[in-house]
Amino acid sequence: MAKKDTTTKSFILRVDTETMNAIEKWAADEFRSTNGQLQWIITEALRKSGRLKKKKE
């Protein structure tokens, strides 16, 4: 099994209530935490834009 990178950086994110409610519902629908959902959304957007390469397994 591949070792997961444990280096993370914290930051504050301001999001309007309507957007946050949508993110929380989406996270619940996919059985993720809100933080996990935000990480997934950001990672997917970066990969689709070509700014983040897929990690080799």
Protein backbone atom coordinates (compact mmCIF):
# COMPACT_ATOMS: atom_id res chain seq x y z
CA MET A 1 0.00 0.00 0.00
CA ALA A 2 1.32 3.46 -0.91
CA LYS A 3 2.23 5.75 1.98
CA LYS A 4 -0.01 8.82 2.12
CA ASP A 5 1.65 12.24 2.29
CA THR A 6 0.99 13.61 5.77
CA THR A 7 2.25 17.13 5.14
CA THR A 8 -0.65 19.55 5.20
CA LYS A 9 -0.93 23.31 5.46
CA SER A 10 -3.81 24.99 7.27
CA PHE A 11 -5.50 28.19 6.14
CA ILE A 12 -8.68 30.13 6.75
CA LEU A 13 -11.32 30.12 4.04
CA ARG A 14 -14.28 32.48 3.96
CA VAL A 15 -17.31 31.10 2.11
CA ASP A 16 -20.81 32.53 1.87
CA THR A 17 -23.57 30.62 3.66
CA GLU A 18 -25.32 29.36 0.53
CA THR A 19 -22.09 27.92 -0.89
CA MET A 20 -21.12 26.35 2.45
CA ASN A 21 -24.54 24.72 2.78
CA ALA A 22 -24.17 23.22 -0.70
CA ILE A 23 -20.67 21.92 0.11
CA GLU A 24 -21.85 20.39 3.39
CA LYS A 25 -24.75 18.64 1.66
CA TRP A 26 -22.49 17.37 -1.12
CA ALA A 27 -20.01 16.07 1.48
CA ALA A 28 -22.78 14.26 3.36
CA ASP A 29 -24.09 12.74 0.11
CA GLU A 30 -20.62 11.28 -0.56
CA PHE A 31 -19.92 10.27 3.07
CA ARG A 32 -17.04 12.75 3.43
CA SER A 33 -16.30 15.44 5.98
CA THR A 34 -16.74 19.01 4.80
CA ASN A 35 -12.97 19.48 4.95
CA GLY A 36 -12.42 16.27 2.98
CA GLN A 37 -14.92 17.41 0.37
CA LEU A 38 -13.19 20.78 -0.03
CA GLN A 39 -9.82 19.02 -0.41
CA TRP A 40 -11.31 16.73 -3.06
CA ILE A 41 -12.92 19.63 -4.97
CA ILE A 42 -9.67 21.60 -5.00
CA THR A 43 -7.56 18.58 -6.00
CA GLU A 44 -9.92 17.67 -8.85
CA ALA A 45 -9.98 21.25 -10.15
CA LEU A 46 -6.17 21.39 -10.10
CA ARG A 47 -5.86 18.06 -11.94
CA LYS A 48 -8.43 19.03 -14.58
CA SER A 49 -6.60 22.31 -15.23
CA GLY A 50 -3.28 20.50 -15.58
CA ARG A 51 -1.78 22.30 -12.59
CA LEU A 52 -1.43 19.15 -10.47
CA LYS A 53 -0.08 15.93 -11.88
CA LYS A 54 -1.45 12.55 -10.85
CA LYS A 55 0.83 10.78 -8.39
CA LYS A 56 2.54 7.60 -9.53
CA GLU A 57 1.45 4.52 -7.64
